[in-house]
Amino acid sequence: MYFKRLKDLRIDNDYLQKDIANLLGITQQYYSRYELGHFTIPLEHLIKLAKFYNVSIDYIVGLSNEKNFKQKK
């Protein structure tokens, strides 16, 4: 599945693919396949990236345009 925001978040925060790959413990080539939508990104990696970028998983996968998770009262 292709998530355009993976690349957008990385670029907006001035990181290289190899930087994010190191964070996730994978190779740059493997991470590149996440950005291209060739490999499905595992939930554990989505969680790590959401925490790293301080955004919600919903934002990363395009279900919301709100970057930050808002708790309901």
PDB file of N, CA and C in Angstrom:
ATOM      1  N   MET A   1       0.839  -1.174   0.000  1.00  0.00           N
ATOM      2  CA  MET A   1       0.000   0.000   0.000  1.00  0.00           C
ATOM      3  C   MET A   1       0.889   1.244   0.000  1.00  0.00           C
ATOM      4  N   TYR A   2       0.524   2.224  -0.773  1.00  0.00           N
ATOM      5  CA  TYR A   2       1.317   3.441  -0.945  1.00  0.00           C
ATOM      6  C   TYR A   2       0.817   4.539  -0.007  1.00  0.00           C
ATOM      7  N   PHE A   3       1.715   5.075   0.814  1.00  0.00           N
ATOM      8  CA  PHE A   3       1.384   6.184   1.703  1.00  0.00           C
ATOM      9  C   PHE A   3       2.292   7.361   1.353  1.00  0.00           C
ATOM     10  N   LYS A   4       1.779   8.295   0.558  1.00  0.00           N
ATOM     11  CA  LYS A   4       2.553   9.437   0.088  1.00  0.00           C
ATOM     12  C   LYS A   4       3.165  10.225   1.236  1.00  0.00           C
ATOM     13  N   ARG A   5       2.486  10.263   2.353  1.00  0.00           N
ATOM     14  CA  ARG A   5       2.957  11.081   3.472  1.00  0.00           C
ATOM     15  C   ARG A   5       4.236  10.557   4.107  1.00  0.00           C
ATOM     16  N   LEU A   6       4.559   9.294   3.909  1.00  0.00           N
ATOM     17  CA  LEU A   6       5.835   8.785   4.427  1.00  0.00           C
ATOM     18  C   LEU A   6       6.992   9.606   3.853  1.00  0.00           C
ATOM     19  N   LYS A   7       6.966   9.793   2.557  1.00  0.00           N
ATOM     20  CA  LYS A   7       8.030  10.557   1.899  1.00  0.00           C
ATOM     21  C   LYS A   7       7.932  12.039   2.268  1.00  0.00           C
ATOM     22  N   ASP A   8       6.719  12.563   2.278  1.00  0.00           N
ATOM     23  CA  ASP A   8       6.523  13.980   2.605  1.00  0.00           C
ATOM     24  C   ASP A   8       7.047  14.309   3.999  1.00  0.00           C
ATOM     25  N   LEU A   9       6.722  13.481   4.974  1.00  0.00           N
ATOM     26  CA  LEU A   9       7.197  13.715   6.342  1.00  0.00           C
ATOM     27  C   LEU A   9       8.717  13.656   6.415  1.00  0.00           C
ATOM     28  N   ARG A  10       9.291  12.693   5.733  1.00  0.00           N
ATOM     29  CA  ARG A  10      10.745  12.552   5.745  1.00  0.00           C
ATOM     30  C   ARG A  10      11.412  13.790   5.150  1.00  0.00           C
ATOM     31  N   ILE A  11      10.940  14.220   4.006  1.00  0.00           N
ATOM     32  CA  ILE A  11      11.530  15.375   3.336  1.00  0.00           C
ATOM     33  C   ILE A  11      11.291  16.653   4.129  1.00  0.00           C
ATOM     34  N   ASP A  12      10.075  16.841   4.632  1.00  0.00           N
ATOM     35  CA  ASP A  12       9.749  18.037   5.418  1.00  0.00           C
ATOM     36  C   ASP A  12      10.622  18.172   6.656  1.00  0.00           C
ATOM     37  N   ASN A  13      11.095  17.044   7.169  1.00  0.00           N
ATOM     38  CA  ASN A  13      11.927  17.046   8.369  1.00  0.00           C
ATOM     39  C   ASN A  13      13.420  16.891   8.061  1.00  0.00           C
ATOM     40  N   ASP A  14      13.758  17.004   6.778  1.00  0.00           N
ATOM     41  CA  ASP A  14      15.152  16.975   6.323  1.00  0.00           C
ATOM     42  C   ASP A  14      15.905  15.693   6.681  1.00  0.00           C
ATOM     43  N   TYR A  15      15.238  14.560   6.489  1.00  0.00           N
ATOM     44  CA  TYR A  15      15.879  13.269   6.704  1.00  0.00           C
ATOM     45  C   TYR A  15      16.087  12.569   5.368  1.00  0.00           C
ATOM     46  N   LEU A  16      17.110  11.758   5.315  1.00  0.00           N
ATOM     47  CA  LEU A  16      17.345  10.896   4.169  1.00  0.00           C
ATOM     48  C   LEU A  16      16.679   9.548   4.419  1.00  0.00           C
ATOM     49  N   GLN A  17      16.458   8.787   3.357  1.00  0.00           N
ATOM     50  CA  GLN A  17      15.889   7.456   3.529  1.00  0.00           C
ATOM     51  C   GLN A  17      16.745   6.619   4.455  1.00  0.00           C
ATOM     52  N   LYS A  18      18.066   6.747   4.353  1.00  0.00           N
ATOM     53  CA  LYS A  18      18.937   5.934   5.202  1.00  0.00           C
ATOM     54  C   LYS A  18      18.781   6.298   6.677  1.00  0.00           C
ATOM     55  N   ASP A  19      18.458   7.562   6.993  1.00  0.00           N
ATOM     56  CA  ASP A  19      18.229   7.967   8.376  1.00  0.00           C
ATOM     57  C   ASP A  19      17.006   7.254   8.959  1.00  0.00           C
ATOM     58  N   ILE A  20      15.937   7.235   8.181  1.00  0.00           N
ATOM     59  CA  ILE A  20      14.704   6.594   8.658  1.00  0.00           C
ATOM     60  C   ILE A  20      14.876   5.080   8.678  1.00  0.00           C
ATOM     61  N   ALA A  21      15.574   4.549   7.713  1.00  0.00           N
ATOM     62  CA  ALA A  21      15.845   3.111   7.701  1.00  0.00           C
ATOM     63  C   ALA A  21      16.624   2.709   8.949  1.00  0.00           C
ATOM     64  N   ASN A  22      17.610   3.503   9.335  1.00  0.00           N
ATOM     65  CA  ASN A  22      18.374   3.219  10.554  1.00  0.00           C
ATOM     66  C   ASN A  22      17.474   3.257  11.780  1.00  0.00           C
ATOM     67  N   LEU A  23      16.568   4.212  11.835  1.00  0.00           N
ATOM     68  CA  LEU A  23      15.618   4.296  12.947  1.00  0.00           C
ATOM     69  C   LEU A  23      14.789   3.016  13.055  1.00  0.00           C
ATOM     70  N   LEU A  24      14.387   2.494  11.905  1.00  0.00           N
ATOM     71  CA  LEU A  24      13.532   1.301  11.875  1.00  0.00           C
ATOM     72  C   LEU A  24      14.321  -0.005  11.927  1.00  0.00           C
ATOM     73  N   GLY A  25      15.635   0.074  11.784  1.00  0.00           N
ATOM     74  CA  GLY A  25      16.459  -1.130  11.810  1.00  0.00           C
ATOM     75  C   GLY A  25      16.388  -1.943  10.536  1.00  0.00           C
ATOM     76  N   ILE A  26      16.209  -1.240   9.410  1.00  0.00           N
ATOM     77  CA  ILE A  26      16.138  -1.912   8.115  1.00  0.00           C
ATOM     78  C   ILE A  26      17.111  -1.214   7.157  1.00  0.00           C
ATOM     79  N   THR A  27      17.261  -1.756   5.963  1.00  0.00           N
ATOM     80  CA  THR A  27      18.143  -1.129   4.983  1.00  0.00           C
ATOM     81  C   THR A  27      17.423   0.026   4.286  1.00  0.00           C
ATOM     82  N   GLN A  28      18.217   0.901   3.696  1.00  0.00           N
ATOM     83  CA  GLN A  28      17.655   2.025   2.935  1.00  0.00           C
ATOM     84  C   GLN A  28      16.824   1.502   1.769  1.00  0.00           C
ATOM     85  N   GLN A  29      17.289   0.447   1.125  1.00  0.00           N
ATOM     86  CA  GLN A  29      16.570  -0.117  -0.015  1.00  0.00           C
ATOM     87  C   GLN A  29      15.200  -0.649   0.414  1.00  0.00           C
ATOM     88  N   TYR A  30      15.167  -1.278   1.571  1.00  0.00           N
ATOM     89  CA  TYR A  30      13.900  -1.818   2.076  1.00  0.00           C
ATOM     90  C   TYR A  30      12.949  -0.681   2.408  1.00  0.00           C
ATOM     91  N   TYR A  31      13.470   0.369   3.070  1.00  0.00           N
ATOM     92  CA  TYR A  31      12.616   1.519   3.393  1.00  0.00           C
ATOM     93  C   TYR A  31      12.096   2.186   2.118  1.00  0.00           C
ATOM     94  N   SER A  32      12.932   2.270   1.108  1.00  0.00           N
ATOM     95  CA  SER A  32      12.528   2.854  -0.169  1.00  0.00           C
ATOM     96  C   SER A  32      11.283   2.151  -0.715  1.00  0.00           C
ATOM     97  N   ARG A  33      11.221   0.860  -0.521  1.00  0.00           N
ATOM     98  CA  ARG A  33      10.063   0.092  -1.006  1.00  0.00           C
ATOM     99  C   ARG A  33       8.796   0.431  -0.228  1.00  0.00           C
ATOM    100  N   TYR A  34       8.909   0.835   1.019  1.00  0.00           N
ATOM    101  CA  TYR A  34       7.742   1.338   1.771  1.00  0.00           C
ATOM    102  C   TYR A  34       7.230   2.607   1.113  1.00  0.00           C
ATOM    103  N   GLU A  35       8.148   3.539   0.838  1.00  0.00           N
ATOM    104  CA  GLU A  35       7.744   4.809   0.242  1.00  0.00           C
ATOM    105  C   GLU A  35       7.124   4.630  -1.136  1.00  0.00           C
ATOM    106  N   LEU A  36       7.606   3.666  -1.887  1.00  0.00           N
ATOM    107  CA  LEU A  36       7.078   3.418  -3.226  1.00  0.00           C
ATOM    108  C   LEU A  36       5.798   2.579  -3.214  1.00  0.00           C
ATOM    109  N   GLY A  37       5.465   2.014  -2.065  1.00  0.00           N
ATOM    110  CA  GLY A  37       4.272   1.185  -1.959  1.00  0.00           C
ATOM    111  C   GLY A  37       4.482  -0.238  -2.428  1.00  0.00           C
ATOM    112  N   HIS A  38       5.744  -0.644  -2.593  1.00  0.00           N
ATOM    113  CA  HIS A  38       6.027  -2.010  -3.024  1.00  0.00           C
ATOM    114  C   HIS A  38       5.912  -3.009  -1.877  1.00  0.00           C
ATOM    115  N   PHE A  39       6.186  -2.551  -0.660  1.00  0.00           N
ATOM    116  CA  PHE A  39       6.040  -3.391   0.531  1.00  0.00           C
ATOM    117  C   PHE A  39       5.053  -2.719   1.480  1.00  0.00           C
ATOM    118  N   THR A  40       4.260  -3.519   2.148  1.00  0.00           N
ATOM    119  CA  THR A  40       3.369  -3.001   3.172  1.00  0.00           C
ATOM    120  C   THR A  40       4.174  -2.747   4.435  1.00  0.00           C
ATOM    121  N   ILE A  41       3.996  -1.573   5.006  1.00  0.00           N
ATOM    122  CA  ILE A  41       4.752  -1.220   6.201  1.00  0.00           C
ATOM    123  C   ILE A  41       4.098  -1.866   7.424  1.00  0.00           C
ATOM    124  N   PRO A  42       4.851  -2.549   8.247  1.00  0.00           N
ATOM    125  CA  PRO A  42       4.289  -3.201   9.427  1.00  0.00           C
ATOM    126  C   PRO A  42       3.797  -2.173  10.448  1.00  0.00           C
ATOM    127  N   LEU A  43       2.815  -2.567  11.212  1.00  0.00           N
ATOM    128  CA  LEU A  43       2.238  -1.692  12.220  1.00  0.00           C
ATOM    129  C   LEU A  43       3.286  -1.181  13.191  1.00  0.00           C
ATOM    130  N   GLU A  44       4.228  -2.022  13.589  1.00  0.00           N
ATOM    131  CA  GLU A  44       5.259  -1.597  14.540  1.00  0.00           C
ATOM    132  C   GLU A  44       6.100  -0.454  13.958  1.00  0.00           C
ATOM    133  N   HIS A  45       6.315  -0.465  12.649  1.00  0.00           N
ATOM    134  CA  HIS A  45       7.058   0.618  12.014  1.00  0.00           C
ATOM    135  C   HIS A  45       6.205   1.876  11.906  1.00  0.00           C
ATOM    136  N   LEU A  46       4.909   1.707  11.623  1.00  0.00           N
ATOM    137  CA  LEU A  46       4.007   2.866  11.596  1.00  0.00           C
ATOM    138  C   LEU A  46       3.961   3.557  12.952  1.00  0.00           C
ATOM    139  N   ILE A  47       3.888   2.774  14.006  1.00  0.00           N
ATOM    140  CA  ILE A  47       3.853   3.333  15.353  1.00  0.00           C
ATOM    141  C   ILE A  47       5.139   4.090  15.646  1.00  0.00           C
ATOM    142  N   LYS A  48       6.266   3.490  15.310  1.00  0.00           N
ATOM    143  CA  LYS A  48       7.558   4.132  15.556  1.00  0.00           C
ATOM    144  C   LYS A  48       7.671   5.447  14.781  1.00  0.00           C
ATOM    145  N   LEU A  49       7.216   5.445  13.532  1.00  0.00           N
ATOM    146  CA  LEU A  49       7.282   6.656  12.716  1.00  0.00           C
ATOM    147  C   LEU A  49       6.328   7.733  13.215  1.00  0.00           C
ATOM    148  N   ALA A  50       5.142   7.336  13.649  1.00  0.00           N
ATOM    149  CA  ALA A  50       4.187   8.302  14.190  1.00  0.00           C
ATOM    150  C   ALA A  50       4.760   8.980  15.430  1.00  0.00           C
ATOM    151  N   LYS A  51       5.388   8.213  16.292  1.00  0.00           N
ATOM    152  CA  LYS A  51       6.017   8.785  17.483  1.00  0.00           C
ATOM    153  C   LYS A  51       7.199   9.666  17.101  1.00  0.00           C
ATOM    154  N   PHE A  52       7.998   9.212  16.161  1.00  0.00           N
ATOM    155  CA  PHE A  52       9.182   9.948  15.731  1.00  0.00           C
ATOM    156  C   PHE A  52       8.814  11.310  15.138  1.00  0.00           C
ATOM    157  N   TYR A  53       7.808  11.329  14.265  1.00  0.00           N
ATOM    158  CA  TYR A  53       7.381  12.568  13.615  1.00  0.00           C
ATOM    159  C   TYR A  53       6.349  13.346  14.433  1.00  0.00           C
ATOM    160  N   ASN A  54       5.889  12.758  15.528  1.00  0.00           N
ATOM    161  CA  ASN A  54       4.872  13.371  16.383  1.00  0.00           C
ATOM    162  C   ASN A  54       3.585  13.656  15.603  1.00  0.00           C
ATOM    163  N   VAL A  55       3.136  12.647  14.883  1.00  0.00           N
ATOM    164  CA  VAL A  55       1.883  12.726  14.135  1.00  0.00           C
ATOM    165  C   VAL A  55       1.081  11.458  14.416  1.00  0.00           C
ATOM    166  N   SER A  56      -0.175  11.474  14.030  1.00  0.00           N
ATOM    167  CA  SER A  56      -0.999  10.282  14.224  1.00  0.00           C
ATOM    168  C   SER A  56      -0.780   9.298  13.073  1.00  0.00           C
ATOM    169  N   ILE A  57      -1.063   8.046  13.342  1.00  0.00           N
ATOM    170  CA  ILE A  57      -1.006   7.036  12.282  1.00  0.00           C
ATOM    171  C   ILE A  57      -2.049   7.361  11.224  1.00  0.00           C
ATOM    172  N   ASP A  58      -3.206   7.858  11.657  1.00  0.00           N
ATOM    173  CA  ASP A  58      -4.247   8.252  10.702  1.00  0.00           C
ATOM    174  C   ASP A  58      -3.718   9.275   9.701  1.00  0.00           C
ATOM    175  N   TYR A  59      -2.894  10.190  10.168  1.00  0.00           N
ATOM    176  CA  TYR A  59      -2.310  11.189   9.270  1.00  0.00           C
ATOM    177  C   TYR A  59      -1.364  10.512   8.272  1.00  0.00           C
ATOM    178  N   ILE A  60      -0.511   9.637   8.761  1.00  0.00           N
ATOM    179  CA  ILE A  60       0.453   8.966   7.876  1.00  0.00           C
ATOM    180  C   ILE A  60      -0.253   8.196   6.770  1.00  0.00           C
ATOM    181  N   VAL A  61      -1.328   7.497   7.113  1.00  0.00           N
ATOM    182  CA  VAL A  61      -2.002   6.652   6.115  1.00  0.00           C
ATOM    183  C   VAL A  61      -3.074   7.402   5.322  1.00  0.00           C
ATOM    184  N   GLY A  62      -3.257   8.683   5.611  1.00  0.00           N
ATOM    185  CA  GLY A  62      -4.178   9.499   4.826  1.00  0.00           C
ATOM    186  C   GLY A  62      -5.626   9.461   5.259  1.00  0.00           C
ATOM    187  N   LEU A  63      -5.899   8.961   6.455  1.00  0.00           N
ATOM    188  CA  LEU A  63      -7.275   8.938   6.952  1.00  0.00           C
ATOM    189  C   LEU A  63      -7.685  10.249   7.596  1.00  0.00           C
ATOM    190  N   SER A  64      -6.707  11.098   7.871  1.00  0.00           N
ATOM    191  CA  SER A  64      -6.967  12.384   8.497  1.00  0.00           C
ATOM    192  C   SER A  64      -5.968  13.409   7.969  1.00  0.00           C
ATOM    193  N   ASN A  65      -6.399  14.643   7.936  1.00  0.00           N
ATOM    194  CA  ASN A  65      -5.492  15.724   7.584  1.00  0.00           C
ATOM    195  C   ASN A  65      -4.941  16.420   8.818  1.00  0.00           C
ATOM    196  N   GLU A  66      -5.377  15.976   9.983  1.00  0.00           N
ATOM    197  CA  GLU A  66      -4.866  16.494  11.250  1.00  0.00           C
ATOM    198  C   GLU A  66      -3.597  15.733  11.590  1.00  0.00           C
ATOM    199  N   LYS A  67      -2.503  16.471  11.747  1.00  0.00           N
ATOM    200  CA  LYS A  67      -1.233  15.801  12.030  1.00  0.00           C
ATOM    201  C   LYS A  67      -1.198  15.185  13.422  1.00  0.00           C
ATOM    202  N   ASN A  68      -1.736  15.866  14.387  1.00  0.00           N
ATOM    203  CA  ASN A  68      -1.638  15.413  15.771  1.00  0.00           C
ATOM    204  C   ASN A  68      -2.920  14.731  16.208  1.00  0.00           C
ATOM    205  N   PHE A  69      -2.734  13.711  16.995  1.00  0.00           N
ATOM    206  CA  PHE A  69      -3.851  12.958  17.550  1.00  0.00           C
ATOM    207  C   PHE A  69      -4.570  13.817  18.584  1.00  0.00           C
ATOM    208  N   LYS A  70      -5.879  13.917  18.456  1.00  0.00           N
ATOM    209  CA  LYS A  70      -6.662  14.678  19.427  1.00  0.00           C
ATOM    210  C   LYS A  70      -7.570  13.712  20.179  1.00  0.00           C
ATOM    211  N   GLN A  71      -7.415  13.700  21.493  1.00  0.00           N
ATOM    212  CA  GLN A  71      -8.234  12.820  22.313  1.00  0.00           C
ATOM    213  C   GLN A  71      -9.611  13.442  22.514  1.00  0.00           C
ATOM    214  N   LYS A  72     -10.613  12.580  22.496  1.00  0.00           N
ATOM    215  CA  LYS A  72     -11.974  13.048  22.772  1.00  0.00           C
ATOM    216  C   LYS A  72     -12.156  13.177  24.260  1.00  0.00           C
ATOM    217  N   LYS A  73     -12.866  14.194  24.669  1.00  0.00           N
ATOM    218  CA  LYS A  73     -13.100  14.411  26.106  1.00  0.00           C
ATOM    219  C   LYS A  73     -14.316  13.681  26.588  1.00  0.00           C
TER     220      LYS A  73
END
